[in-house]
Amino acid sequence: MSKLRLGVLASGRGSNLQAIIDNIAANKLDAEVAVVISDNPDAFALERARNHRIPAVHIKPGDYREKEEYEKAVIDCLRENRAELVVLAGYMRLVGKVLLDEYPNRIMNIHPALLPSFPGLHGQRDAVAYGVKYSGCTIHFVDEGMDTGPIILQEVVPVLQDDDEDSLAARILKEEHKLYSKAIQLFAEGKLRIEGRKIIII
C-alpha cells in the first residue's frame, strides 16, 4: 500500500518537520515526506530535509512579480514530487487562492494556541499577556483567512503562573510534535470528514 506523500512548506528551523520525519521512522505515521519547499534559502528546514535525503527546494518569492506566480511555482514543485497533502511547518506566508484551489482541504497548518483564540504570529506571547489559564496547539485545514480554517485536533497546555512566552512556547512545542503526526495519520487513513466548519473524525 502506497504511503501518503507530504509536501512540506517551511520558512524556519523546521522542528515540526523533524518530528514528522522521526515519527515516520518510528512507524508512528504512514506517510513519507516527498519534498520540502522553503521561501527562505537559509531555513534550517532545508538542511533537515537534505540530511534525510529528501528533496529540498528554495523558491524565492522575489523572483515572481505576483503572489499568484510564486504559488504556481510552488504548485509545479509539489506536482513534480507527487505531493498529496500539503503540510505547513512554520511557513510564514498566508496561503493564497491559487494554492488553495489546487489543494482544497488538503493543506494543514499548526498553530501554537487554542484557536480561535490568539491567531497570528505571537500566539504564545498573546496568551501569556492576556492571562489565560490554558493554552495549547491547534491543527487545522487552511482557508483564505489567518488561522481561520476548520479545526482538526487540539491539545491543551496549562499556562503556569511564572510562564513567559519562551517557557510556554517550549511546552506547547512538545505537544505540537505529537499532535501534527496524529492529524496527518487521520488524513492518511481517510478518517476526516468536513461538514461546514466541523471536522468529523470517523
N, C-alpha and C. Protein backbone atom coordinates (compact mmCIF):
# COMPACT_ATOMS: atom_id res chain seq x y z
N MET A 1 0.84 -1.19 0.00
CA MET A 1 0.00 0.00 0.00
C MET A 1 0.88 1.24 0.00
N SER A 2 0.62 2.16 -0.93
CA SER A 2 1.46 3.35 -1.03
C SER A 2 1.20 4.29 0.14
N LYS A 3 2.25 4.96 0.58
CA LYS A 3 2.14 5.88 1.71
C LYS A 3 1.73 7.27 1.22
N LEU A 4 1.05 8.00 2.10
CA LEU A 4 0.65 9.37 1.82
C LEU A 4 1.89 10.23 1.60
N ARG A 5 1.91 10.94 0.46
CA ARG A 5 3.06 11.77 0.13
C ARG A 5 2.82 13.21 0.59
N LEU A 6 3.75 13.70 1.41
CA LEU A 6 3.62 15.03 2.00
C LEU A 6 4.52 16.03 1.30
N GLY A 7 3.96 17.18 1.01
CA GLY A 7 4.76 18.33 0.57
C GLY A 7 4.79 19.32 1.71
N VAL A 8 5.97 19.55 2.28
CA VAL A 8 6.09 20.40 3.47
C VAL A 8 6.60 21.78 3.06
N LEU A 9 5.88 22.82 3.49
CA LEU A 9 6.30 24.20 3.27
C LEU A 9 6.80 24.74 4.61
N ALA A 10 8.01 25.27 4.62
CA ALA A 10 8.62 25.75 5.86
C ALA A 10 9.44 27.00 5.59
N SER A 11 9.53 27.85 6.62
CA SER A 11 10.31 29.08 6.48
C SER A 11 11.46 29.17 7.47
N GLY A 12 11.47 28.30 8.48
CA GLY A 12 12.46 28.46 9.55
C GLY A 12 13.16 27.18 9.92
N ARG A 13 13.21 26.92 11.23
CA ARG A 13 14.06 25.83 11.74
C ARG A 13 13.51 24.45 11.45
N GLY A 14 12.20 24.33 11.29
CA GLY A 14 11.62 23.05 10.88
C GLY A 14 11.57 21.99 11.96
N SER A 15 11.29 22.38 13.21
CA SER A 15 11.23 21.36 14.27
C SER A 15 10.02 20.45 14.09
N ASN A 16 8.92 20.98 13.61
CA ASN A 16 7.76 20.12 13.34
C ASN A 16 8.03 19.19 12.16
N LEU A 17 8.77 19.66 11.18
CA LEU A 17 9.20 18.79 10.08
C LEU A 17 10.03 17.64 10.63
N GLN A 18 10.97 17.93 11.53
CA GLN A 18 11.81 16.89 12.10
C GLN A 18 10.99 15.88 12.88
N ALA A 19 9.99 16.37 13.61
CA ALA A 19 9.12 15.46 14.36
C ALA A 19 8.35 14.54 13.42
N ILE A 20 7.89 15.07 12.30
CA ILE A 20 7.19 14.24 11.31
C ILE A 20 8.13 13.18 10.75
N ILE A 21 9.34 13.59 10.39
CA ILE A 21 10.34 12.65 9.88
C ILE A 21 10.62 11.55 10.91
N ASP A 22 10.78 11.96 12.17
CA ASP A 22 11.08 10.99 13.24
C ASP A 22 9.91 10.04 13.47
N ASN A 23 8.69 10.55 13.42
CA ASN A 23 7.51 9.70 13.63
C ASN A 23 7.32 8.72 12.48
N ILE A 24 7.67 9.13 11.27
CA ILE A 24 7.65 8.21 10.13
C ILE A 24 8.67 7.09 10.36
N ALA A 25 9.87 7.48 10.79
CA ALA A 25 10.94 6.49 11.02
C ALA A 25 10.56 5.51 12.13
N ALA A 26 9.77 5.99 13.09
CA ALA A 26 9.37 5.14 14.22
C ALA A 26 8.08 4.36 13.92
N ASN A 27 7.64 4.41 12.67
CA ASN A 27 6.41 3.71 12.24
C ASN A 27 5.17 4.17 12.99
N LYS A 28 5.18 5.44 13.38
CA LYS A 28 4.01 6.04 14.02
C LYS A 28 3.16 6.83 13.03
N LEU A 29 3.65 6.94 11.81
CA LEU A 29 2.97 7.74 10.79
C LEU A 29 3.16 7.08 9.43
N ASP A 30 2.03 6.73 8.78
CA ASP A 30 2.07 6.07 7.48
C ASP A 30 2.12 7.12 6.37
N ALA A 31 3.27 7.74 6.23
CA ALA A 31 3.44 8.79 5.22
C ALA A 31 4.91 8.86 4.85
N GLU A 32 5.19 9.66 3.85
CA GLU A 32 6.57 9.96 3.51
C GLU A 32 6.66 11.42 3.09
N VAL A 33 7.73 12.07 3.44
CA VAL A 33 7.95 13.46 3.04
C VAL A 33 8.51 13.44 1.62
N ALA A 34 7.71 13.91 0.68
CA ALA A 34 8.10 13.86 -0.72
C ALA A 34 9.01 15.02 -1.10
N VAL A 35 8.79 16.18 -0.47
CA VAL A 35 9.59 17.37 -0.79
C VAL A 35 9.41 18.38 0.32
N VAL A 36 10.46 19.16 0.56
CA VAL A 36 10.39 20.31 1.47
C VAL A 36 10.69 21.56 0.66
N ILE A 37 9.79 22.52 0.72
CA ILE A 37 9.91 23.76 -0.04
C ILE A 37 9.99 24.91 0.94
N SER A 38 10.91 25.83 0.69
CA SER A 38 11.02 27.00 1.56
C SER A 38 11.13 28.28 0.75
N ASP A 39 10.55 29.35 1.31
CA ASP A 39 10.71 30.68 0.73
C ASP A 39 11.98 31.35 1.25
N ASN A 40 12.68 30.69 2.17
CA ASN A 40 13.87 31.24 2.81
C ASN A 40 15.06 30.35 2.52
N PRO A 41 16.07 30.85 1.81
CA PRO A 41 17.20 30.00 1.43
C PRO A 41 18.00 29.51 2.63
N ASP A 42 17.90 30.22 3.75
CA ASP A 42 18.67 29.85 4.93
C ASP A 42 17.86 29.05 5.95
N ALA A 43 16.66 28.64 5.59
CA ALA A 43 15.82 27.89 6.52
C ALA A 43 16.51 26.57 6.89
N PHE A 44 16.61 26.31 8.19
CA PHE A 44 17.23 25.06 8.63
C PHE A 44 16.39 23.85 8.23
N ALA A 45 15.11 24.10 7.95
CA ALA A 45 14.25 23.01 7.48
C ALA A 45 14.82 22.38 6.21
N LEU A 46 15.42 23.18 5.34
CA LEU A 46 16.02 22.64 4.12
C LEU A 46 17.19 21.72 4.45
N GLU A 47 17.98 22.12 5.45
CA GLU A 47 19.10 21.29 5.87
C GLU A 47 18.61 19.97 6.47
N ARG A 48 17.53 20.05 7.25
CA ARG A 48 16.96 18.82 7.81
C ARG A 48 16.54 17.88 6.69
N ALA A 49 15.91 18.43 5.66
CA ALA A 49 15.49 17.60 4.53
C ALA A 49 16.69 16.94 3.86
N ARG A 50 17.71 17.72 3.59
CA ARG A 50 18.92 17.16 2.93
C ARG A 50 19.54 16.06 3.78
N ASN A 51 19.53 16.25 5.09
CA ASN A 51 20.11 15.24 5.98
C ASN A 51 19.39 13.89 5.88
N HIS A 52 18.14 13.94 5.44
CA HIS A 52 17.35 12.71 5.31
C HIS A 52 17.10 12.36 3.84
N ARG A 53 17.90 12.93 2.96
CA ARG A 53 17.82 12.66 1.52
C ARG A 53 16.42 12.94 0.95
N ILE A 54 15.80 13.98 1.47
CA ILE A 54 14.51 14.44 0.97
C ILE A 54 14.76 15.64 0.07
N PRO A 55 14.13 15.71 -1.11
CA PRO A 55 14.32 16.88 -1.96
C PRO A 55 14.04 18.18 -1.21
N ALA A 56 14.99 19.09 -1.26
CA ALA A 56 14.89 20.38 -0.56
C ALA A 56 14.99 21.50 -1.59
N VAL A 57 13.93 22.29 -1.67
CA VAL A 57 13.82 23.28 -2.76
C VAL A 57 13.56 24.67 -2.18
N HIS A 58 14.40 25.61 -2.60
CA HIS A 58 14.14 27.02 -2.26
C HIS A 58 13.47 27.69 -3.46
N ILE A 59 12.31 28.28 -3.23
CA ILE A 59 11.63 29.06 -4.26
C ILE A 59 11.53 30.48 -3.75
N LYS A 60 12.22 31.39 -4.42
CA LYS A 60 12.34 32.77 -3.95
C LYS A 60 11.15 33.61 -4.41
N PRO A 61 10.33 34.10 -3.47
CA PRO A 61 9.17 34.92 -3.87
C PRO A 61 9.55 36.14 -4.69
N GLY A 62 10.71 36.70 -4.40
CA GLY A 62 11.14 37.91 -5.11
C GLY A 62 11.41 37.70 -6.59
N ASP A 63 11.49 36.44 -7.01
CA ASP A 63 11.72 36.15 -8.43
C ASP A 63 10.43 36.24 -9.24
N TYR A 64 9.31 36.49 -8.56
CA TYR A 64 8.00 36.49 -9.24
C TYR A 64 7.31 37.83 -9.01
N ARG A 65 6.67 38.32 -10.03
CA ARG A 65 6.03 39.65 -9.94
C ARG A 65 4.81 39.62 -9.05
N GLU A 66 4.08 38.52 -9.07
CA GLU A 66 2.84 38.43 -8.31
C GLU A 66 2.87 37.20 -7.40
N LYS A 67 2.12 37.28 -6.31
CA LYS A 67 1.99 36.14 -5.40
C LYS A 67 1.46 34.93 -6.14
N GLU A 68 0.53 35.16 -7.08
CA GLU A 68 -0.06 34.05 -7.82
C GLU A 68 1.00 33.29 -8.61
N GLU A 69 1.96 34.02 -9.19
CA GLU A 69 3.02 33.37 -9.96
C GLU A 69 3.93 32.54 -9.04
N TYR A 70 4.22 33.11 -7.88
CA TYR A 70 5.03 32.37 -6.90
C TYR A 70 4.33 31.08 -6.49
N GLU A 71 3.03 31.17 -6.21
CA GLU A 71 2.30 29.97 -5.79
C GLU A 71 2.20 28.95 -6.91
N LYS A 72 2.13 29.40 -8.15
CA LYS A 72 2.13 28.46 -9.27
C LYS A 72 3.45 27.69 -9.33
N ALA A 73 4.55 28.39 -9.01
CA ALA A 73 5.85 27.71 -8.98
C ALA A 73 5.90 26.68 -7.86
N VAL A 74 5.31 27.03 -6.72
CA VAL A 74 5.23 26.07 -5.61
C VAL A 74 4.40 24.85 -6.02
N ILE A 75 3.28 25.11 -6.68
CA ILE A 75 2.42 24.01 -7.14
C ILE A 75 3.16 23.10 -8.13
N ASP A 76 3.91 23.70 -9.04
CA ASP A 76 4.68 22.90 -10.01
C ASP A 76 5.64 21.95 -9.28
N CYS A 77 6.26 22.46 -8.23
CA CYS A 77 7.20 21.64 -7.47
C CYS A 77 6.46 20.54 -6.70
N LEU A 78 5.32 20.88 -6.12
CA LEU A 78 4.52 19.89 -5.40
C LEU A 78 4.03 18.80 -6.36
N ARG A 79 3.59 19.20 -7.54
CA ARG A 79 3.12 18.22 -8.53
C ARG A 79 4.26 17.31 -8.98
N GLU A 80 5.41 17.93 -9.24
CA GLU A 80 6.57 17.18 -9.71
C GLU A 80 6.94 16.08 -8.71
N ASN A 81 6.73 16.37 -7.43
CA ASN A 81 7.07 15.40 -6.38
C ASN A 81 5.85 14.61 -5.90
N ARG A 82 4.74 14.76 -6.63
CA ARG A 82 3.51 13.99 -6.40
C ARG A 82 3.00 14.11 -4.96
N ALA A 83 3.03 15.32 -4.43
CA ALA A 83 2.53 15.56 -3.07
C ALA A 83 1.01 15.45 -3.05
N GLU A 84 0.50 14.77 -2.05
CA GLU A 84 -0.95 14.58 -1.91
C GLU A 84 -1.54 15.46 -0.80
N LEU A 85 -0.76 15.73 0.23
CA LEU A 85 -1.17 16.61 1.32
C LEU A 85 -0.07 17.64 1.53
N VAL A 86 -0.46 18.91 1.63
CA VAL A 86 0.49 19.99 1.88
C VAL A 86 0.48 20.29 3.38
N VAL A 87 1.65 20.29 3.97
CA VAL A 87 1.79 20.49 5.41
C VAL A 87 2.61 21.75 5.65
N LEU A 88 2.02 22.72 6.34
CA LEU A 88 2.73 23.95 6.67
C LEU A 88 3.44 23.75 8.01
N ALA A 89 4.74 23.93 8.02
CA ALA A 89 5.54 23.73 9.23
C ALA A 89 6.38 24.97 9.46
N GLY A 90 5.78 25.95 10.11
CA GLY A 90 6.49 27.22 10.31
C GLY A 90 6.63 27.99 9.00
N TYR A 91 5.60 27.92 8.18
CA TYR A 91 5.60 28.64 6.89
C TYR A 91 5.01 30.03 7.15
N MET A 92 5.79 31.06 6.89
CA MET A 92 5.44 32.40 7.35
C MET A 92 4.72 33.24 6.29
N ARG A 93 3.99 32.58 5.41
CA ARG A 93 3.23 33.30 4.40
C ARG A 93 1.78 32.86 4.42
N LEU A 94 0.88 33.81 4.21
CA LEU A 94 -0.52 33.45 4.06
C LEU A 94 -0.70 32.71 2.74
N VAL A 95 -1.36 31.58 2.79
CA VAL A 95 -1.61 30.81 1.57
C VAL A 95 -2.72 31.49 0.78
N GLY A 96 -2.49 31.65 -0.53
CA GLY A 96 -3.44 32.35 -1.38
C GLY A 96 -4.36 31.41 -2.15
N LYS A 97 -5.23 32.02 -2.93
CA LYS A 97 -6.28 31.28 -3.64
C LYS A 97 -5.73 30.25 -4.62
N VAL A 98 -4.64 30.58 -5.27
CA VAL A 98 -4.08 29.67 -6.28
C VAL A 98 -3.72 28.32 -5.65
N LEU A 99 -3.02 28.38 -4.52
CA LEU A 99 -2.61 27.15 -3.84
C LEU A 99 -3.81 26.45 -3.20
N LEU A 100 -4.71 27.22 -2.63
CA LEU A 100 -5.91 26.64 -2.01
C LEU A 100 -6.78 25.92 -3.04
N ASP A 101 -6.92 26.50 -4.22
CA ASP A 101 -7.74 25.88 -5.26
C ASP A 101 -7.12 24.58 -5.78
N GLU A 102 -5.80 24.52 -5.75
CA GLU A 102 -5.10 23.31 -6.23
C GLU A 102 -5.20 22.17 -5.21
N TYR A 103 -5.23 22.52 -3.92
CA TYR A 103 -5.26 21.51 -2.85
C TYR A 103 -6.40 21.82 -1.87
N PRO A 104 -7.66 21.73 -2.33
CA PRO A 104 -8.78 22.04 -1.44
C PRO A 104 -8.88 21.03 -0.30
N ASN A 105 -8.93 21.55 0.92
CA ASN A 105 -8.98 20.70 2.12
C ASN A 105 -7.84 19.69 2.16
N ARG A 106 -6.73 20.07 1.56
CA ARG A 106 -5.54 19.23 1.59
C ARG A 106 -4.30 20.04 1.98
N ILE A 107 -4.54 21.13 2.71
CA ILE A 107 -3.44 21.92 3.26
C ILE A 107 -3.67 22.02 4.76
N MET A 108 -2.71 21.53 5.56
CA MET A 108 -2.81 21.56 7.02
C MET A 108 -1.83 22.56 7.59
N ASN A 109 -2.22 23.14 8.72
CA ASN A 109 -1.34 24.05 9.44
C ASN A 109 -1.42 23.73 10.93
N ILE A 110 -0.37 24.11 11.65
CA ILE A 110 -0.37 24.01 13.10
C ILE A 110 -0.18 25.40 13.68
N HIS A 111 -0.93 25.67 14.76
CA HIS A 111 -0.84 26.99 15.40
C HIS A 111 -0.66 26.81 16.90
N PRO A 112 0.26 27.58 17.52
CA PRO A 112 0.57 27.38 18.94
C PRO A 112 -0.38 28.11 19.88
N ALA A 113 -1.67 27.90 19.72
CA ALA A 113 -2.69 28.44 20.61
C ALA A 113 -3.97 27.64 20.35
N LEU A 114 -4.95 27.83 21.22
CA LEU A 114 -6.24 27.15 21.05
C LEU A 114 -7.14 28.07 20.22
N LEU A 115 -7.10 27.89 18.92
CA LEU A 115 -7.94 28.71 18.04
C LEU A 115 -9.41 28.49 18.36
N PRO A 116 -10.25 29.52 18.20
CA PRO A 116 -9.99 30.79 17.52
C PRO A 116 -9.31 31.85 18.38
N SER A 117 -8.90 31.52 19.62
CA SER A 117 -8.16 32.49 20.43
C SER A 117 -6.73 32.66 19.92
N PHE A 118 -6.25 33.87 19.93
CA PHE A 118 -4.85 34.21 19.68
C PHE A 118 -4.30 33.71 18.34
N PRO A 119 -4.95 34.10 17.23
CA PRO A 119 -4.38 33.78 15.92
C PRO A 119 -3.17 34.69 15.64
N GLY A 120 -2.50 34.43 14.53
CA GLY A 120 -1.39 35.29 14.13
C GLY A 120 -0.04 34.79 14.61
N LEU A 121 0.95 35.65 14.53
CA LEU A 121 2.34 35.25 14.71
C LEU A 121 2.75 35.01 16.15
N HIS A 122 2.02 35.56 17.13
CA HIS A 122 2.51 35.54 18.51
C HIS A 122 1.50 34.92 19.46
N GLY A 123 1.03 33.72 19.12
CA GLY A 123 0.01 33.06 19.92
C GLY A 123 0.42 32.85 21.36
N GLN A 124 1.66 32.41 21.59
CA GLN A 124 2.11 32.14 22.95
C GLN A 124 2.24 33.44 23.75
N ARG A 125 2.85 34.45 23.15
CA ARG A 125 3.01 35.74 23.83
C ARG A 125 1.65 36.34 24.18
N ASP A 126 0.72 36.27 23.24
CA ASP A 126 -0.60 36.85 23.46
C ASP A 126 -1.35 36.12 24.57
N ALA A 127 -1.18 34.80 24.64
CA ALA A 127 -1.85 34.02 25.69
C ALA A 127 -1.33 34.41 27.07
N VAL A 128 -0.01 34.54 27.19
CA VAL A 128 0.58 34.94 28.47
C VAL A 128 0.13 36.35 28.85
N ALA A 129 0.15 37.25 27.89
CA ALA A 129 -0.22 38.65 28.16
C ALA A 129 -1.68 38.77 28.57
N TYR A 130 -2.53 37.94 28.01
CA TYR A 130 -3.96 38.01 28.31
C TYR A 130 -4.29 37.42 29.69
N GLY A 131 -3.42 36.52 30.15
CA GLY A 131 -3.63 35.93 31.46
C GLY A 131 -4.50 34.68 31.47
N VAL A 132 -4.61 34.01 30.32
CA VAL A 132 -5.41 32.78 30.29
C VAL A 132 -4.74 31.69 31.12
N LYS A 133 -5.54 30.77 31.60
CA LYS A 133 -5.02 29.67 32.42
C LYS A 133 -4.63 28.46 31.58
N TYR A 134 -5.15 28.40 30.35
CA TYR A 134 -4.85 27.28 29.46
C TYR A 134 -4.59 27.81 28.06
N SER A 135 -3.59 27.24 27.42
CA SER A 135 -3.36 27.49 26.00
C SER A 135 -3.17 26.12 25.35
N GLY A 136 -2.37 26.05 24.29
CA GLY A 136 -2.17 24.76 23.65
C GLY A 136 -1.84 24.92 22.19
N CYS A 137 -2.24 23.94 21.39
CA CYS A 137 -1.97 23.99 19.94
C CYS A 137 -3.16 23.45 19.18
N THR A 138 -3.25 23.88 17.94
CA THR A 138 -4.38 23.54 17.07
C THR A 138 -3.86 23.10 15.71
N ILE A 139 -4.39 22.00 15.21
CA ILE A 139 -4.16 21.60 13.82
C ILE A 139 -5.44 21.92 13.05
N HIS A 140 -5.30 22.60 11.93
CA HIS A 140 -6.50 22.96 11.16
C HIS A 140 -6.21 22.91 9.66
N PHE A 141 -7.27 22.74 8.89
CA PHE A 141 -7.14 22.91 7.45
C PHE A 141 -7.04 24.40 7.17
N VAL A 142 -6.37 24.74 6.09
CA VAL A 142 -6.11 26.13 5.76
C VAL A 142 -7.19 26.66 4.82
N ASP A 143 -7.66 27.87 5.13
CA ASP A 143 -8.53 28.60 4.20
C ASP A 143 -7.88 29.95 3.91
N GLU A 144 -8.64 30.89 3.36
CA GLU A 144 -8.04 32.15 2.94
C GLU A 144 -7.79 33.12 4.09
N GLY A 145 -8.28 32.82 5.29
CA GLY A 145 -8.03 33.69 6.42
C GLY A 145 -6.76 33.32 7.15
N MET A 146 -6.45 34.08 8.21
CA MET A 146 -5.28 33.78 9.03
C MET A 146 -5.71 32.91 10.21
N ASP A 147 -5.35 31.63 10.15
CA ASP A 147 -5.65 30.69 11.23
C ASP A 147 -7.16 30.55 11.46
N THR A 148 -7.93 30.55 10.37
CA THR A 148 -9.39 30.51 10.49
C THR A 148 -10.03 29.24 9.95
N GLY A 149 -9.23 28.31 9.44
CA GLY A 149 -9.79 27.12 8.80
C GLY A 149 -10.36 26.12 9.80
N PRO A 150 -11.12 25.12 9.30
CA PRO A 150 -11.74 24.11 10.17
C PRO A 150 -10.73 23.37 11.04
N ILE A 151 -11.06 23.23 12.31
CA ILE A 151 -10.15 22.65 13.30
C ILE A 151 -10.22 21.13 13.27
N ILE A 152 -9.05 20.49 13.19
CA ILE A 152 -8.95 19.03 13.15
C ILE A 152 -8.72 18.48 14.54
N LEU A 153 -7.66 18.93 15.21
CA LEU A 153 -7.31 18.46 16.55
C LEU A 153 -6.78 19.63 17.38
N GLN A 154 -6.97 19.53 18.70
CA GLN A 154 -6.38 20.50 19.62
C GLN A 154 -5.84 19.76 20.84
N GLU A 155 -4.81 20.34 21.44
CA GLU A 155 -4.25 19.81 22.68
C GLU A 155 -4.08 20.96 23.67
N VAL A 156 -4.53 20.74 24.90
CA VAL A 156 -4.49 21.78 25.92
C VAL A 156 -3.17 21.72 26.70
N VAL A 157 -2.59 22.91 26.95
CA VAL A 157 -1.39 23.04 27.76
C VAL A 157 -1.66 24.09 28.83
N PRO A 158 -1.52 23.76 30.12
CA PRO A 158 -1.73 24.76 31.16
C PRO A 158 -0.71 25.90 31.07
N VAL A 159 -1.17 27.10 31.37
CA VAL A 159 -0.28 28.25 31.47
C VAL A 159 0.06 28.43 32.95
N LEU A 160 1.33 28.30 33.29
CA LEU A 160 1.77 28.39 34.67
C LEU A 160 1.95 29.85 35.09
N GLN A 161 1.89 30.09 36.38
CA GLN A 161 1.92 31.47 36.88
C GLN A 161 3.21 32.20 36.52
N ASP A 162 4.32 31.46 36.46
CA ASP A 162 5.60 32.10 36.15
C ASP A 162 6.00 31.95 34.69
N ASP A 163 5.07 31.52 33.85
CA ASP A 163 5.38 31.36 32.43
C ASP A 163 5.69 32.70 31.77
N ASP A 164 6.64 32.68 30.85
CA ASP A 164 6.79 33.75 29.88
C ASP A 164 6.57 33.14 28.49
N GLU A 165 6.72 33.95 27.47
CA GLU A 165 6.46 33.46 26.12
C GLU A 165 7.31 32.24 25.78
N ASP A 166 8.59 32.29 26.14
CA ASP A 166 9.50 31.22 25.75
C ASP A 166 9.20 29.90 26.48
N SER A 167 8.93 29.99 27.78
CA SER A 167 8.67 28.75 28.53
C SER A 167 7.37 28.10 28.10
N LEU A 168 6.35 28.92 27.85
CA LEU A 168 5.09 28.37 27.36
C LEU A 168 5.26 27.78 25.97
N ALA A 169 5.98 28.49 25.11
CA ALA A 169 6.20 28.00 23.75
C ALA A 169 6.91 26.66 23.74
N ALA A 170 7.86 26.48 24.64
CA ALA A 170 8.62 25.22 24.69
C ALA A 170 7.72 24.06 25.06
N ARG A 171 6.80 24.27 26.02
CA ARG A 171 5.90 23.18 26.42
C ARG A 171 4.85 22.91 25.36
N ILE A 172 4.37 23.95 24.70
CA ILE A 172 3.42 23.75 23.62
C ILE A 172 4.08 22.99 22.47
N LEU A 173 5.34 23.31 22.18
CA LEU A 173 6.04 22.68 21.06
C LEU A 173 6.12 21.17 21.23
N LYS A 174 6.30 20.70 22.45
CA LYS A 174 6.35 19.25 22.69
C LYS A 174 5.04 18.59 22.26
N GLU A 175 3.94 19.27 22.52
CA GLU A 175 2.64 18.73 22.12
C GLU A 175 2.44 18.84 20.61
N GLU A 176 2.92 19.93 20.03
CA GLU A 176 2.83 20.08 18.57
C GLU A 176 3.45 18.89 17.86
N HIS A 177 4.62 18.48 18.35
CA HIS A 177 5.37 17.41 17.68
C HIS A 177 4.61 16.10 17.67
N LYS A 178 3.74 15.88 18.64
CA LYS A 178 2.92 14.67 18.68
C LYS A 178 1.62 14.86 17.90
N LEU A 179 1.01 16.02 18.07
CA LEU A 179 -0.34 16.23 17.54
C LEU A 179 -0.36 16.30 16.01
N TYR A 180 0.66 16.92 15.42
CA TYR A 180 0.67 17.07 13.96
C TYR A 180 0.64 15.72 13.27
N SER A 181 1.46 14.80 13.76
CA SER A 181 1.50 13.47 13.14
C SER A 181 0.19 12.73 13.33
N LYS A 182 -0.47 12.94 14.48
CA LYS A 182 -1.78 12.32 14.69
C LYS A 182 -2.78 12.79 13.64
N ALA A 183 -2.79 14.09 13.37
CA ALA A 183 -3.72 14.65 12.39
C ALA A 183 -3.41 14.13 10.99
N ILE A 184 -2.13 14.07 10.65
CA ILE A 184 -1.73 13.57 9.32
C ILE A 184 -2.12 12.11 9.17
N GLN A 185 -1.96 11.34 10.25
CA GLN A 185 -2.33 9.92 10.20
C GLN A 185 -3.83 9.76 9.98
N LEU A 186 -4.63 10.58 10.64
CA LEU A 186 -6.09 10.53 10.44
C LEU A 186 -6.42 10.82 8.97
N PHE A 187 -5.74 11.79 8.39
CA PHE A 187 -5.95 12.09 6.96
C PHE A 187 -5.54 10.90 6.10
N ALA A 188 -4.38 10.31 6.41
CA ALA A 188 -3.87 9.18 5.63
C ALA A 188 -4.84 8.00 5.67
N GLU A 189 -5.53 7.84 6.79
CA GLU A 189 -6.47 6.73 6.96
C GLU A 189 -7.87 7.08 6.46
N GLY A 190 -8.06 8.27 5.91
CA GLY A 190 -9.36 8.67 5.41
C GLY A 190 -10.40 8.87 6.49
N LYS A 191 -9.95 9.29 7.66
CA LYS A 191 -10.86 9.39 8.81
C LYS A 191 -11.34 10.81 9.10
N LEU A 192 -11.07 11.75 8.19
CA LEU A 192 -11.51 13.13 8.40
C LEU A 192 -12.59 13.48 7.38
N ARG A 193 -13.74 13.90 7.89
CA ARG A 193 -14.82 14.35 7.03
C ARG A 193 -15.22 15.77 7.42
N ILE A 194 -15.38 16.63 6.41
CA ILE A 194 -15.69 18.03 6.68
C ILE A 194 -17.18 18.26 6.47
N GLU A 195 -17.82 18.83 7.49
CA GLU A 195 -19.22 19.23 7.40
C GLU A 195 -19.32 20.69 7.83
N GLY A 196 -19.33 21.59 6.85
CA GLY A 196 -19.31 23.01 7.15
C GLY A 196 -17.99 23.38 7.81
N ARG A 197 -18.08 23.93 9.02
CA ARG A 197 -16.85 24.26 9.76
C ARG A 197 -16.36 23.09 10.61
N LYS A 198 -17.14 22.05 10.73
CA LYS A 198 -16.79 20.96 11.62
C LYS A 198 -16.01 19.87 10.88
N ILE A 199 -14.99 19.36 11.57
CA ILE A 199 -14.28 18.17 11.10
C ILE A 199 -14.78 16.99 11.92
N ILE A 200 -15.38 16.02 11.23
CA ILE A 200 -15.85 14.81 11.89
C ILE A 200 -14.78 13.74 11.73
N ILE A 201 -14.37 13.17 12.88
CA ILE A 201 -13.39 12.08 12.86
C ILE A 201 -14.17 10.78 12.86
N ILE A 202 -13.99 9.99 11.81
CA ILE A 202 -14.81 8.78 11.62
C ILE A 202 -13.99 7.51 11.90
